Amino acid sequence: LSGFEDFVQLLIEGLQAAGVEYLIGGAIA
Protein backbone atom coordinates (compact mmCIF):
# COMPACT_ATOMS: atom_id res chain seq x y z
CA LEU A 1 0.00 0.00 0.00
CA SER A 2 1.23 3.50 -0.74
CA GLY A 3 -0.93 5.08 1.96
CA PHE A 4 -4.04 5.11 4.11
CA GLU A 5 -6.33 5.79 1.13
CA ASP A 6 -5.15 2.55 -0.51
CA PHE A 7 -6.06 0.66 2.66
CA VAL A 8 -9.59 2.09 2.70
CA GLN A 9 -10.05 1.16 -0.97
CA LEU A 10 -8.73 -2.35 -0.34
CA LEU A 11 -11.11 -2.81 2.58
CA ILE A 12 -14.12 -1.61 0.58
CA GLU A 13 -13.19 -3.96 -2.28
CA GLY A 14 -13.07 -6.87 0.19
CA LEU A 15 -16.47 -5.99 1.67
CA GLN A 16 -18.04 -5.65 -1.78
CA ALA A 17 -16.51 -8.92 -2.99
CA ALA A 18 -18.05 -10.66 0.04
CA GLY A 19 -21.47 -9.06 -0.54
CA VAL A 20 -21.29 -7.03 2.68
CA GLU A 21 -22.99 -3.62 2.71
CA TYR A 22 -21.21 -0.84 4.58
CA LEU A 23 -21.13 2.80 5.49
CA ILE A 24 -18.10 4.86 6.49
CA GLY A 25 -18.31 7.02 9.58
CA GLY A 26 -15.83 8.96 11.67
CA ALA A 27 -13.37 11.46 10.27
CA ILE A 28 -13.75 10.28 6.67
CA ALA A 29 -17.51 10.94 6.70
PDB file of all heavy atoms in Angstrom:
ATOM      1  N   LEU A   1       0.844  -1.190   0.000  1.00  0.00           N
ATOM      2  CA  LEU A   1       0.000   0.000   0.000  1.00  0.00           C
ATOM      3  C   LEU A   1       0.880   1.241   0.000  1.00  0.00           C
ATOM      4  O   LEU A   1       1.887   1.292   0.687  1.00  0.00           O
ATOM      5  CB  LEU A   1      -0.900   0.017   1.241  1.00  0.00           C
ATOM      6  CG  LEU A   1      -1.831  -1.176   1.451  1.00  0.00           C
ATOM      7  CD1 LEU A   1      -2.613  -0.995   2.741  1.00  0.00           C
ATOM      8  CD2 LEU A   1      -2.776  -1.340   0.284  1.00  0.00           C
ATOM      9  N   SER A   2       0.452   2.258  -0.744  1.00  0.00           N
ATOM     10  CA  SER A   2       1.229   3.499  -0.744  1.00  0.00           C
ATOM     11  C   SER A   2       0.728   4.472   0.327  1.00  0.00           C
ATOM     12  O   SER A   2       1.386   5.455   0.615  1.00  0.00           O
ATOM     13  CB  SER A   2       1.191   4.164  -2.118  1.00  0.00           C
ATOM     14  OG  SER A   2      -0.137   4.497  -2.463  1.00  0.00           O
ATOM     15  N   GLY A   3      -0.428   4.195   0.918  1.00  0.00           N
ATOM     16  CA  GLY A   3      -0.934   5.077   1.961  1.00  0.00           C
ATOM     17  C   GLY A   3      -2.269   4.619   2.503  1.00  0.00           C
ATOM     18  O   GLY A   3      -2.824   3.595   2.098  1.00  0.00           O
ATOM     19  N   PHE A   4      -2.789   5.423   3.430  1.00  0.00           N
ATOM     20  CA  PHE A   4      -4.041   5.107   4.106  1.00  0.00           C
ATOM     21  C   PHE A   4      -5.211   4.978   3.128  1.00  0.00           C
ATOM     22  O   PHE A   4      -6.066   4.109   3.287  1.00  0.00           O
ATOM     23  CB  PHE A   4      -4.320   6.201   5.141  1.00  0.00           C
ATOM     24  CG  PHE A   4      -5.646   6.073   5.825  1.00  0.00           C
ATOM     25  CD1 PHE A   4      -5.902   5.022   6.685  1.00  0.00           C
ATOM     26  CD2 PHE A   4      -6.637   7.023   5.622  1.00  0.00           C
ATOM     27  CE1 PHE A   4      -7.132   4.904   7.322  1.00  0.00           C
ATOM     28  CE2 PHE A   4      -7.860   6.918   6.264  1.00  0.00           C
ATOM     29  CZ  PHE A   4      -8.104   5.853   7.106  1.00  0.00           C
ATOM     30  N   GLU A   5      -5.242   5.829   2.110  1.00  0.00           N
ATOM     31  CA  GLU A   5      -6.332   5.794   1.132  1.00  0.00           C
ATOM     32  C   GLU A   5      -6.386   4.440   0.427  1.00  0.00           C
ATOM     33  O   GLU A   5      -7.467   3.902   0.162  1.00  0.00           O
ATOM     34  CB  GLU A   5      -6.198   6.926   0.107  1.00  0.00           C
ATOM     35  CG  GLU A   5      -6.421   8.317   0.683  1.00  0.00           C
ATOM     36  CD  GLU A   5      -5.175   8.904   1.342  1.00  0.00           C
ATOM     37  OE1 GLU A   5      -4.101   8.254   1.311  1.00  0.00           O
ATOM     38  OE2 GLU A   5      -5.286  10.007   1.899  1.00  0.00           O
ATOM     39  N   ASP A   6      -5.205   3.874   0.127  1.00  0.00           N
ATOM     40  CA  ASP A   6      -5.153   2.551  -0.509  1.00  0.00           C
ATOM     41  C   ASP A   6      -5.769   1.487   0.401  1.00  0.00           C
ATOM     42  O   ASP A   6      -6.445   0.571  -0.058  1.00  0.00           O
ATOM     43  CB  ASP A   6      -3.709   2.147  -0.831  1.00  0.00           C
ATOM     44  CG  ASP A   6      -3.129   2.917  -1.997  1.00  0.00           C
ATOM     45  OD1 ASP A   6      -3.886   3.624  -2.686  1.00  0.00           O
ATOM     46  OD2 ASP A   6      -1.907   2.809  -2.221  1.00  0.00           O
ATOM     47  N   PHE A   7      -5.499   1.612   1.705  1.00  0.00           N
ATOM     48  CA  PHE A   7      -6.057   0.661   2.661  1.00  0.00           C
ATOM     49  C   PHE A   7      -7.584   0.720   2.669  1.00  0.00           C
ATOM     50  O   PHE A   7      -8.262  -0.307   2.646  1.00  0.00           O
ATOM     51  CB  PHE A   7      -5.512   0.939   4.065  1.00  0.00           C
ATOM     52  CG  PHE A   7      -6.209   0.171   5.149  1.00  0.00           C
ATOM     53  CD1 PHE A   7      -6.093  -1.212   5.236  1.00  0.00           C
ATOM     54  CD2 PHE A   7      -7.004   0.819   6.088  1.00  0.00           C
ATOM     55  CE1 PHE A   7      -6.750  -1.930   6.234  1.00  0.00           C
ATOM     56  CE2 PHE A   7      -7.659   0.124   7.083  1.00  0.00           C
ATOM     57  CZ  PHE A   7      -7.528  -1.262   7.160  1.00  0.00           C
ATOM     58  N   VAL A   8      -8.129   1.932   2.691  1.00  0.00           N
ATOM     59  CA  VAL A   8      -9.586   2.093   2.697  1.00  0.00           C
ATOM     60  C   VAL A   8     -10.182   1.478   1.426  1.00  0.00           C
ATOM     61  O   VAL A   8     -11.173   0.745   1.486  1.00  0.00           O
ATOM     62  CB  VAL A   8      -9.987   3.574   2.843  1.00  0.00           C
ATOM     63  CG1 VAL A   8     -11.498   3.741   2.733  1.00  0.00           C
ATOM     64  CG2 VAL A   8      -9.493   4.129   4.170  1.00  0.00           C
ATOM     65  N   GLN A   9      -9.566   1.746   0.289  1.00  0.00           N
ATOM     66  CA  GLN A   9     -10.055   1.160  -0.969  1.00  0.00           C
ATOM     67  C   GLN A   9     -10.008  -0.355  -0.930  1.00  0.00           C
ATOM     68  O   GLN A   9     -10.942  -1.033  -1.359  1.00  0.00           O
ATOM     69  CB  GLN A   9      -9.210   1.668  -2.146  1.00  0.00           C
ATOM     70  CG  GLN A   9      -9.534   3.074  -2.567  1.00  0.00           C
ATOM     71  CD  GLN A   9      -8.722   3.469  -3.777  1.00  0.00           C
ATOM     72  OE1 GLN A   9      -7.500   3.606  -3.693  1.00  0.00           O
ATOM     73  NE2 GLN A   9      -9.389   3.636  -4.897  1.00  0.00           N
ATOM     74  N   LEU A  10      -8.898  -0.893  -0.424  1.00  0.00           N
ATOM     75  CA  LEU A  10      -8.726  -2.348  -0.344  1.00  0.00           C
ATOM     76  C   LEU A  10      -9.808  -2.967   0.539  1.00  0.00           C
ATOM     77  O   LEU A  10     -10.399  -3.997   0.205  1.00  0.00           O
ATOM     78  CB  LEU A  10      -7.339  -2.636   0.228  1.00  0.00           C
ATOM     79  CG  LEU A  10      -6.772  -4.038   0.040  1.00  0.00           C
ATOM     80  CD1 LEU A  10      -6.492  -4.312  -1.434  1.00  0.00           C
ATOM     81  CD2 LEU A  10      -5.496  -4.190   0.863  1.00  0.00           C
ATOM     82  N   LEU A  11     -10.091  -2.328   1.650  1.00  0.00           N
ATOM     83  CA  LEU A  11     -11.112  -2.807   2.578  1.00  0.00           C
ATOM     84  C   LEU A  11     -12.495  -2.788   1.928  1.00  0.00           C
ATOM     85  O   LEU A  11     -13.248  -3.767   2.016  1.00  0.00           O
ATOM     86  CB  LEU A  11     -11.098  -1.947   3.837  1.00  0.00           C
ATOM     87  CG  LEU A  11     -12.030  -2.340   4.965  1.00  0.00           C
ATOM     88  CD1 LEU A  11     -11.729  -3.744   5.464  1.00  0.00           C
ATOM     89  CD2 LEU A  11     -11.913  -1.336   6.105  1.00  0.00           C
ATOM     90  N   ILE A  12     -12.822  -1.698   1.258  1.00  0.00           N
ATOM     91  CA  ILE A  12     -14.120  -1.607   0.581  1.00  0.00           C
ATOM     92  C   ILE A  12     -14.242  -2.685  -0.495  1.00  0.00           C
ATOM     93  O   ILE A  12     -15.286  -3.327  -0.626  1.00  0.00           O
ATOM     94  CB  ILE A  12     -14.330  -0.193  -0.005  1.00  0.00           C
ATOM     95  CG1 ILE A  12     -14.522   0.816   1.125  1.00  0.00           C
ATOM     96  CG2 ILE A  12     -15.546  -0.169  -0.940  1.00  0.00           C
ATOM     97  CD1 ILE A  12     -14.510   2.268   0.675  1.00  0.00           C
ATOM     98  N   GLU A  13     -13.176  -2.908  -1.249  1.00  0.00           N
ATOM     99  CA  GLU A  13     -13.191  -3.964  -2.276  1.00  0.00           C
ATOM    100  C   GLU A  13     -13.467  -5.330  -1.647  1.00  0.00           C
ATOM    101  O   GLU A  13     -14.226  -6.126  -2.191  1.00  0.00           O
ATOM    102  CB  GLU A  13     -11.859  -3.999  -3.019  1.00  0.00           C
ATOM    103  CG  GLU A  13     -11.633  -2.839  -3.957  1.00  0.00           C
ATOM    104  CD  GLU A  13     -10.195  -2.770  -4.461  1.00  0.00           C
ATOM    105  OE1 GLU A  13      -9.417  -3.733  -4.226  1.00  0.00           O
ATOM    106  OE2 GLU A  13      -9.849  -1.743  -5.081  1.00  0.00           O
ATOM    107  N   GLY A  14     -12.850  -5.593  -0.497  1.00  0.00           N
ATOM    108  CA  GLY A  14     -13.075  -6.866   0.192  1.00  0.00           C
ATOM    109  C   GLY A  14     -14.512  -7.021   0.659  1.00  0.00           C
ATOM    110  O   GLY A  14     -15.114  -8.090   0.510  1.00  0.00           O
ATOM    111  N   LEU A  15     -15.073  -5.950   1.223  1.00  0.00           N
ATOM    112  CA  LEU A  15     -16.472  -5.991   1.669  1.00  0.00           C
ATOM    113  C   LEU A  15     -17.404  -6.229   0.483  1.00  0.00           C
ATOM    114  O   LEU A  15     -18.309  -7.074   0.549  1.00  0.00           O
ATOM    115  CB  LEU A  15     -16.839  -4.685   2.376  1.00  0.00           C
ATOM    116  CG  LEU A  15     -16.136  -4.402   3.707  1.00  0.00           C
ATOM    117  CD1 LEU A  15     -16.404  -2.979   4.160  1.00  0.00           C
ATOM    118  CD2 LEU A  15     -16.574  -5.399   4.772  1.00  0.00           C
ATOM    119  N   GLN A  16     -17.183  -5.501  -0.601  1.00  0.00           N
ATOM    120  CA  GLN A  16     -18.043  -5.649  -1.778  1.00  0.00           C
ATOM    121  C   GLN A  16     -17.928  -7.038  -2.380  1.00  0.00           C
ATOM    122  O   GLN A  16     -18.931  -7.631  -2.775  1.00  0.00           O
ATOM    123  CB  GLN A  16     -17.706  -4.566  -2.811  1.00  0.00           C
ATOM    124  CG  GLN A  16     -18.119  -3.183  -2.357  1.00  0.00           C
ATOM    125  CD  GLN A  16     -17.650  -2.072  -3.281  1.00  0.00           C
ATOM    126  OE1 GLN A  16     -16.629  -2.190  -3.955  1.00  0.00           O
ATOM    127  NE2 GLN A  16     -18.400  -0.977  -3.308  1.00  0.00           N
ATOM    128  N   ALA A  17     -16.713  -7.581  -2.432  1.00  0.00           N
ATOM    129  CA  ALA A  17     -16.511  -8.924  -2.986  1.00  0.00           C
ATOM    130  C   ALA A  17     -17.227  -9.983  -2.153  1.00  0.00           C
ATOM    131  O   ALA A  17     -17.657 -11.016  -2.676  1.00  0.00           O
ATOM    132  CB  ALA A  17     -15.015  -9.233  -3.080  1.00  0.00           C
ATOM    133  N   ALA A  18     -17.368  -9.716  -0.851  1.00  0.00           N
ATOM    134  CA  ALA A  18     -18.052 -10.661   0.043  1.00  0.00           C
ATOM    135  C   ALA A  18     -19.553 -10.413   0.108  1.00  0.00           C
ATOM    136  O   ALA A  18     -20.277 -11.142   0.784  1.00  0.00           O
ATOM    137  CB  ALA A  18     -17.450 -10.568   1.444  1.00  0.00           C
ATOM    138  N   GLY A  19     -20.047  -9.377  -0.582  1.00  0.00           N
ATOM    139  CA  GLY A  19     -21.474  -9.064  -0.540  1.00  0.00           C
ATOM    140  C   GLY A  19     -21.909  -8.419   0.759  1.00  0.00           C
ATOM    141  O   GLY A  19     -23.058  -8.578   1.194  1.00  0.00           O
ATOM    142  N   VAL A  20     -21.001  -7.676   1.392  1.00  0.00           N
ATOM    143  CA  VAL A  20     -21.291  -7.026   2.677  1.00  0.00           C
ATOM    144  C   VAL A  20     -21.516  -5.535   2.438  1.00  0.00           C
ATOM    145  O   VAL A  20     -20.643  -4.842   1.920  1.00  0.00           O
ATOM    146  CB  VAL A  20     -20.128  -7.232   3.671  1.00  0.00           C
ATOM    147  CG1 VAL A  20     -20.337  -6.402   4.942  1.00  0.00           C
ATOM    148  CG2 VAL A  20     -19.989  -8.714   4.011  1.00  0.00           C
ATOM    149  N   GLU A  21     -22.693  -5.041   2.825  1.00  0.00           N
ATOM    150  CA  GLU A  21     -22.992  -3.616   2.708  1.00  0.00           C
ATOM    151  C   GLU A  21     -22.321  -2.871   3.860  1.00  0.00           C
ATOM    152  O   GLU A  21     -22.160  -3.414   4.948  1.00  0.00           O
ATOM    153  CB  GLU A  21     -24.498  -3.385   2.750  1.00  0.00           C
ATOM    154  CG  GLU A  21     -25.233  -3.966   1.558  1.00  0.00           C
ATOM    155  CD  GLU A  21     -26.715  -3.701   1.639  1.00  0.00           C
ATOM    156  OE1 GLU A  21     -27.322  -4.058   2.674  1.00  0.00           O
ATOM    157  OE2 GLU A  21     -27.246  -3.112   0.687  1.00  0.00           O
ATOM    158  N   TYR A  22     -21.968  -1.608   3.609  1.00  0.00           N
ATOM    159  CA  TYR A  22     -21.206  -0.838   4.584  1.00  0.00           C
ATOM    160  C   TYR A  22     -21.620   0.629   4.541  1.00  0.00           C
ATOM    161  O   TYR A  22     -22.283   1.090   3.612  1.00  0.00           O
ATOM    162  CB  TYR A  22     -19.701  -0.935   4.263  1.00  0.00           C
ATOM    163  CG  TYR A  22     -19.359  -0.137   3.022  1.00  0.00           C
ATOM    164  CD1 TYR A  22     -18.954   1.201   3.129  1.00  0.00           C
ATOM    165  CD2 TYR A  22     -19.506  -0.680   1.751  1.00  0.00           C
ATOM    166  CE1 TYR A  22     -18.699   1.958   1.986  1.00  0.00           C
ATOM    167  CE2 TYR A  22     -19.253   0.071   0.613  1.00  0.00           C
ATOM    168  CZ  TYR A  22     -18.854   1.388   0.743  1.00  0.00           C
ATOM    169  OH  TYR A  22     -18.622   2.146  -0.377  1.00  0.00           O
ATOM    170  N   LEU A  23     -21.182   1.346   5.551  1.00  0.00           N
ATOM    171  CA  LEU A  23     -21.128   2.802   5.490  1.00  0.00           C
ATOM    172  C   LEU A  23     -19.902   3.230   6.271  1.00  0.00           C
ATOM    173  O   LEU A  23     -19.492   2.567   7.219  1.00  0.00           O
ATOM    174  CB  LEU A  23     -22.401   3.464   6.017  1.00  0.00           C
ATOM    175  CG  LEU A  23     -22.732   3.490   7.510  1.00  0.00           C
ATOM    176  CD1 LEU A  23     -21.911   4.512   8.290  1.00  0.00           C
ATOM    177  CD2 LEU A  23     -24.194   3.820   7.694  1.00  0.00           C
ATOM    178  N   ILE A  24     -19.287   4.311   5.820  1.00  0.00           N
ATOM    179  CA  ILE A  24     -18.104   4.861   6.485  1.00  0.00           C
ATOM    180  C   ILE A  24     -18.558   5.977   7.421  1.00  0.00           C
ATOM    181  O   ILE A  24     -19.379   6.807   7.052  1.00  0.00           O
ATOM    182  CB  ILE A  24     -17.095   5.410   5.463  1.00  0.00           C
ATOM    183  CG1 ILE A  24     -16.605   4.288   4.538  1.00  0.00           C
ATOM    184  CG2 ILE A  24     -15.913   6.073   6.169  1.00  0.00           C
ATOM    185  CD1 ILE A  24     -15.728   4.763   3.396  1.00  0.00           C
ATOM    186  N   GLY A  25     -18.016   5.966   8.620  1.00  0.00           N
ATOM    187  CA  GLY A  25     -18.308   7.018   9.583  1.00  0.00           C
ATOM    188  C   GLY A  25     -17.045   7.772   9.948  1.00  0.00           C
ATOM    189  O   GLY A  25     -16.088   7.822   9.173  1.00  0.00           O
ATOM    190  N   GLY A  26     -17.025   8.330  11.138  1.00  0.00           N
ATOM    191  CA  GLY A  26     -15.833   8.965  11.673  1.00  0.00           C
ATOM    192  C   GLY A  26     -15.324  10.134  10.845  1.00  0.00           C
ATOM    193  O   GLY A  26     -16.076  10.843  10.179  1.00  0.00           O
ATOM    194  N   ALA A  27     -14.004  10.311  10.906  1.00  0.00           N
ATOM    195  CA  ALA A  27     -13.367  11.464  10.270  1.00  0.00           C
ATOM    196  C   ALA A  27     -13.571  11.484   8.767  1.00  0.00           C
ATOM    197  O   ALA A  27     -13.714  12.553   8.169  1.00  0.00           O
ATOM    198  CB  ALA A  27     -11.873  11.483  10.601  1.00  0.00           C
ATOM    199  N   ILE A  28     -13.594  10.310   8.137  1.00  0.00           N
ATOM    200  CA  ILE A  28     -13.754  10.283   6.671  1.00  0.00           C
ATOM    201  C   ILE A  28     -15.132  10.817   6.283  1.00  0.00           C
ATOM    202  O   ILE A  28     -15.257  11.626   5.355  1.00  0.00           O
ATOM    203  CB  ILE A  28     -13.507   8.872   6.107  1.00  0.00           C
ATOM    204  CG1 ILE A  28     -12.046   8.462   6.352  1.00  0.00           C
ATOM    205  CG2 ILE A  28     -13.827   8.823   4.605  1.00  0.00           C
ATOM    206  CD1 ILE A  28     -11.710   7.049   5.946  1.00  0.00           C
ATOM    207  N   ALA A  29     -16.170  10.407   6.990  1.00  0.00           N
ATOM    208  CA  ALA A  29     -17.506  10.942   6.698  1.00  0.00           C
ATOM    209  C   ALA A  29     -17.554  12.442   6.970  1.00  0.00           C
ATOM    210  O   ALA A  29     -18.223  13.190   6.254  1.00  0.00           O
ATOM    211  CB  ALA A  29     -18.568  10.216   7.520  1.00  0.00           C
TER     212      ALA A  29
END
